[in-house]
Amino acid sequence: MRFSIPSAYRRSLRFAAVVQVAAIVLTAFVDDDGSFLPLVGAGWIAFWIIAVTLTKFRITPTKLELFAVRWCPLGVFIAVFVAGQYL
């Protein structure tokens, strides 16, 4: 079974990957006892499962879907950072 990403999603997924790498680098600078990294990892895994599922079933994305795929990694990073402050 071959899985190819529709061309409409490629630009948004590339941008999401760049944001994710930048966020992971920033996460590495957080000085904690190591409990923050698994939380960030769980958030990213959830994002990529949703993104891959979305690209598999939707050939022609809507503008809202492209916006979500492009900017949700930043939202995931902010949400995890805020949640990490209270855990």
N, C-alpha and C. Protein backbone atom coordinates (compact mmCIF):
# COMPACT_ATOMS: atom_id res chain seq x y z
N MET A 1 0.84 -1.17 0.00
CA MET A 1 0.00 0.00 0.00
C MET A 1 0.89 1.24 0.00
N ARG A 2 0.65 2.11 -0.93
CA ARG A 2 1.47 3.31 -1.05
C ARG A 2 0.65 4.51 -0.58
N PHE A 3 1.26 5.32 0.24
CA PHE A 3 0.59 6.51 0.76
C PHE A 3 1.31 7.74 0.24
N SER A 4 0.59 8.56 -0.51
CA SER A 4 1.19 9.80 -0.99
C SER A 4 0.36 10.98 -0.46
N ILE A 5 1.05 12.05 -0.16
CA ILE A 5 0.40 13.24 0.37
C ILE A 5 -0.10 14.07 -0.81
N PRO A 6 -1.37 14.45 -0.80
CA PRO A 6 -1.88 15.31 -1.87
C PRO A 6 -1.10 16.62 -1.92
N SER A 7 -0.87 17.11 -3.11
CA SER A 7 -0.04 18.30 -3.28
C SER A 7 -0.61 19.53 -2.58
N ALA A 8 -1.92 19.59 -2.39
CA ALA A 8 -2.52 20.74 -1.71
C ALA A 8 -2.07 20.84 -0.26
N TYR A 9 -1.72 19.72 0.35
CA TYR A 9 -1.31 19.71 1.76
C TYR A 9 0.19 19.91 1.95
N ARG A 10 0.99 19.71 0.95
CA ARG A 10 2.45 19.66 1.13
C ARG A 10 3.04 20.93 1.74
N ARG A 11 2.62 22.09 1.26
CA ARG A 11 3.17 23.34 1.77
C ARG A 11 2.82 23.53 3.25
N SER A 12 1.59 23.24 3.61
CA SER A 12 1.17 23.38 5.01
C SER A 12 1.88 22.38 5.91
N LEU A 13 2.06 21.15 5.44
CA LEU A 13 2.75 20.15 6.25
C LEU A 13 4.23 20.48 6.42
N ARG A 14 4.86 21.02 5.38
CA ARG A 14 6.26 21.46 5.51
C ARG A 14 6.38 22.56 6.56
N PHE A 15 5.48 23.53 6.50
CA PHE A 15 5.50 24.62 7.47
C PHE A 15 5.27 24.08 8.89
N ALA A 16 4.33 23.14 9.03
CA ALA A 16 4.06 22.54 10.34
C ALA A 16 5.29 21.81 10.87
N ALA A 17 6.01 21.13 10.00
CA ALA A 17 7.22 20.42 10.42
C ALA A 17 8.30 21.39 10.88
N VAL A 18 8.45 22.52 10.18
CA VAL A 18 9.45 23.53 10.57
C VAL A 18 9.09 24.12 11.93
N VAL A 19 7.82 24.44 12.13
CA VAL A 19 7.38 24.98 13.42
C VAL A 19 7.61 23.95 14.52
N GLN A 20 7.35 22.70 14.22
CA GLN A 20 7.55 21.65 15.21
C GLN A 20 9.02 21.51 15.59
N VAL A 21 9.91 21.53 14.63
CA VAL A 21 11.34 21.43 14.93
C VAL A 21 11.79 22.62 15.78
N ALA A 22 11.34 23.82 15.43
CA ALA A 22 11.69 25.00 16.22
C ALA A 22 11.15 24.88 17.65
N ALA A 23 9.94 24.38 17.80
CA ALA A 23 9.36 24.22 19.12
C ALA A 23 10.10 23.15 19.94
N ILE A 24 10.54 22.10 19.29
CA ILE A 24 11.29 21.06 20.00
C ILE A 24 12.63 21.61 20.47
N VAL A 25 13.27 22.43 19.66
CA VAL A 25 14.53 23.06 20.08
C VAL A 25 14.29 23.96 21.28
N LEU A 26 13.21 24.75 21.24
CA LEU A 26 12.89 25.61 22.38
C LEU A 26 12.54 24.78 23.62
N THR A 27 11.89 23.64 23.43
CA THR A 27 11.56 22.77 24.55
C THR A 27 12.81 22.21 25.20
N ALA A 28 13.84 21.99 24.42
CA ALA A 28 15.10 21.46 24.97
C ALA A 28 15.73 22.45 25.95
N PHE A 29 15.41 23.72 25.83
CA PHE A 29 15.97 24.73 26.72
C PHE A 29 15.20 24.87 28.03
N VAL A 30 14.07 24.20 28.15
CA VAL A 30 13.28 24.29 29.38
C VAL A 30 14.00 23.53 30.48
N ASP A 31 14.21 24.20 31.59
CA ASP A 31 14.93 23.60 32.71
C ASP A 31 13.92 23.00 33.69
N ASP A 32 13.70 21.71 33.56
CA ASP A 32 12.80 21.02 34.48
C ASP A 32 13.38 19.65 34.78
N ASP A 33 12.61 18.84 35.42
CA ASP A 33 13.10 17.51 35.81
C ASP A 33 12.87 16.45 34.74
N GLY A 34 12.56 16.87 33.53
CA GLY A 34 12.36 15.94 32.43
C GLY A 34 10.91 15.54 32.21
N SER A 35 10.00 16.18 32.92
CA SER A 35 8.60 15.82 32.76
C SER A 35 7.91 16.56 31.62
N PHE A 36 8.55 17.60 31.11
CA PHE A 36 7.94 18.41 30.06
C PHE A 36 8.04 17.75 28.69
N LEU A 37 9.13 17.07 28.42
CA LEU A 37 9.36 16.47 27.11
C LEU A 37 8.32 15.40 26.74
N PRO A 38 7.93 14.49 27.64
CA PRO A 38 6.88 13.53 27.26
C PRO A 38 5.54 14.19 26.96
N LEU A 39 5.25 15.28 27.66
CA LEU A 39 4.02 16.03 27.40
C LEU A 39 4.04 16.63 26.01
N VAL A 40 5.17 17.20 25.64
CA VAL A 40 5.33 17.77 24.29
C VAL A 40 5.26 16.66 23.24
N GLY A 41 5.91 15.56 23.50
CA GLY A 41 5.88 14.44 22.57
C GLY A 41 4.48 13.91 22.32
N ALA A 42 3.68 13.83 23.38
CA ALA A 42 2.31 13.36 23.23
C ALA A 42 1.49 14.33 22.38
N GLY A 43 1.71 15.62 22.58
CA GLY A 43 1.00 16.63 21.77
C GLY A 43 1.37 16.53 20.30
N TRP A 44 2.64 16.36 20.00
CA TRP A 44 3.07 16.27 18.60
C TRP A 44 2.58 15.00 17.95
N ILE A 45 2.62 13.90 18.69
CA ILE A 45 2.13 12.64 18.12
C ILE A 45 0.65 12.75 17.79
N ALA A 46 -0.12 13.36 18.69
CA ALA A 46 -1.55 13.54 18.43
C ALA A 46 -1.77 14.41 17.20
N PHE A 47 -0.99 15.49 17.07
CA PHE A 47 -1.13 16.37 15.91
C PHE A 47 -0.85 15.61 14.62
N TRP A 48 0.24 14.86 14.56
CA TRP A 48 0.61 14.18 13.32
C TRP A 48 -0.35 13.04 12.98
N ILE A 49 -0.91 12.38 13.98
CA ILE A 49 -1.92 11.35 13.69
C ILE A 49 -3.13 11.99 13.04
N ILE A 50 -3.58 13.11 13.58
CA ILE A 50 -4.72 13.82 13.00
C ILE A 50 -4.39 14.34 11.61
N ALA A 51 -3.19 14.92 11.43
CA ALA A 51 -2.81 15.49 10.13
C ALA A 51 -2.70 14.40 9.06
N VAL A 52 -2.10 13.28 9.39
CA VAL A 52 -1.96 12.20 8.41
C VAL A 52 -3.31 11.60 8.07
N THR A 53 -4.17 11.43 9.07
CA THR A 53 -5.51 10.92 8.82
C THR A 53 -6.29 11.87 7.92
N LEU A 54 -6.16 13.16 8.19
CA LEU A 54 -6.85 14.16 7.38
C LEU A 54 -6.38 14.14 5.94
N THR A 55 -5.07 14.04 5.73
CA THR A 55 -4.55 14.03 4.36
C THR A 55 -4.86 12.73 3.63
N LYS A 56 -5.06 11.67 4.37
CA LYS A 56 -5.36 10.38 3.73
C LYS A 56 -6.78 10.35 3.16
N PHE A 57 -7.71 10.98 3.86
CA PHE A 57 -9.11 10.89 3.45
C PHE A 57 -9.62 12.09 2.68
N ARG A 58 -8.89 13.18 2.67
CA ARG A 58 -9.34 14.39 1.98
C ARG A 58 -8.35 14.73 0.87
N ILE A 59 -8.75 14.61 -0.37
CA ILE A 59 -7.89 14.93 -1.50
C ILE A 59 -7.87 16.44 -1.73
N THR A 60 -9.02 17.08 -1.64
CA THR A 60 -9.12 18.51 -1.84
C THR A 60 -9.46 19.18 -0.50
N PRO A 61 -8.47 19.81 0.13
CA PRO A 61 -8.73 20.40 1.44
C PRO A 61 -9.44 21.75 1.34
N THR A 62 -10.15 22.09 2.40
CA THR A 62 -10.75 23.42 2.48
C THR A 62 -9.71 24.39 3.02
N LYS A 63 -9.99 25.67 2.94
CA LYS A 63 -9.06 26.67 3.47
C LYS A 63 -8.91 26.53 4.98
N LEU A 64 -9.99 26.16 5.66
CA LEU A 64 -9.92 25.96 7.11
C LEU A 64 -9.00 24.80 7.47
N GLU A 65 -9.06 23.72 6.71
CA GLU A 65 -8.19 22.57 6.96
C GLU A 65 -6.72 22.94 6.74
N LEU A 66 -6.44 23.67 5.67
CA LEU A 66 -5.06 24.09 5.42
C LEU A 66 -4.57 25.03 6.52
N PHE A 67 -5.43 25.93 6.97
CA PHE A 67 -5.08 26.83 8.06
C PHE A 67 -4.78 26.04 9.33
N ALA A 68 -5.63 25.05 9.62
CA ALA A 68 -5.44 24.24 10.83
C ALA A 68 -4.15 23.43 10.76
N VAL A 69 -3.87 22.83 9.63
CA VAL A 69 -2.65 22.03 9.49
C VAL A 69 -1.42 22.93 9.60
N ARG A 70 -1.51 24.13 9.08
CA ARG A 70 -0.37 25.03 9.09
C ARG A 70 -0.10 25.62 10.48
N TRP A 71 -1.14 26.05 11.19
CA TRP A 71 -0.94 26.81 12.42
C TRP A 71 -1.21 26.03 13.70
N CYS A 72 -1.79 24.85 13.64
CA CYS A 72 -2.04 24.10 14.87
C CYS A 72 -0.78 23.66 15.61
N PRO A 73 0.34 23.40 14.95
CA PRO A 73 1.53 23.06 15.73
C PRO A 73 1.93 24.18 16.69
N LEU A 74 1.74 25.42 16.28
CA LEU A 74 2.04 26.53 17.18
C LEU A 74 1.05 26.53 18.34
N GLY A 75 -0.20 26.25 18.05
CA GLY A 75 -1.21 26.15 19.10
C GLY A 75 -0.94 25.00 20.05
N VAL A 76 -0.48 23.87 19.51
CA VAL A 76 -0.13 22.72 20.35
C VAL A 76 1.02 23.09 21.27
N PHE A 77 2.02 23.76 20.75
CA PHE A 77 3.18 24.14 21.55
C PHE A 77 2.75 25.08 22.68
N ILE A 78 1.94 26.07 22.38
CA ILE A 78 1.49 27.02 23.40
C ILE A 78 0.63 26.31 24.44
N ALA A 79 -0.29 25.46 24.00
CA ALA A 79 -1.15 24.74 24.95
C ALA A 79 -0.35 23.82 25.86
N VAL A 80 0.63 23.12 25.31
CA VAL A 80 1.45 22.23 26.12
C VAL A 80 2.30 23.04 27.09
N PHE A 81 2.82 24.17 26.65
CA PHE A 81 3.63 25.00 27.53
C PHE A 81 2.79 25.53 28.69
N VAL A 82 1.58 26.00 28.40
CA VAL A 82 0.71 26.51 29.46
C VAL A 82 0.30 25.38 30.40
N ALA A 83 -0.06 24.23 29.83
CA ALA A 83 -0.45 23.09 30.68
C ALA A 83 0.73 22.63 31.52
N GLY A 84 1.92 22.68 30.99
CA GLY A 84 3.11 22.28 31.72
C GLY A 84 3.41 23.15 32.92
N GLN A 85 2.96 24.38 32.88
CA GLN A 85 3.18 25.27 34.02
C GLN A 85 2.36 24.87 35.23
N TYR A 86 1.26 24.17 35.01
CA TYR A 86 0.37 23.81 36.09
C TYR A 86 0.48 22.36 36.51
N LEU A 87 1.30 21.58 35.85
CA LEU A 87 1.46 20.16 36.23
C LEU A 87 2.62 19.96 37.16
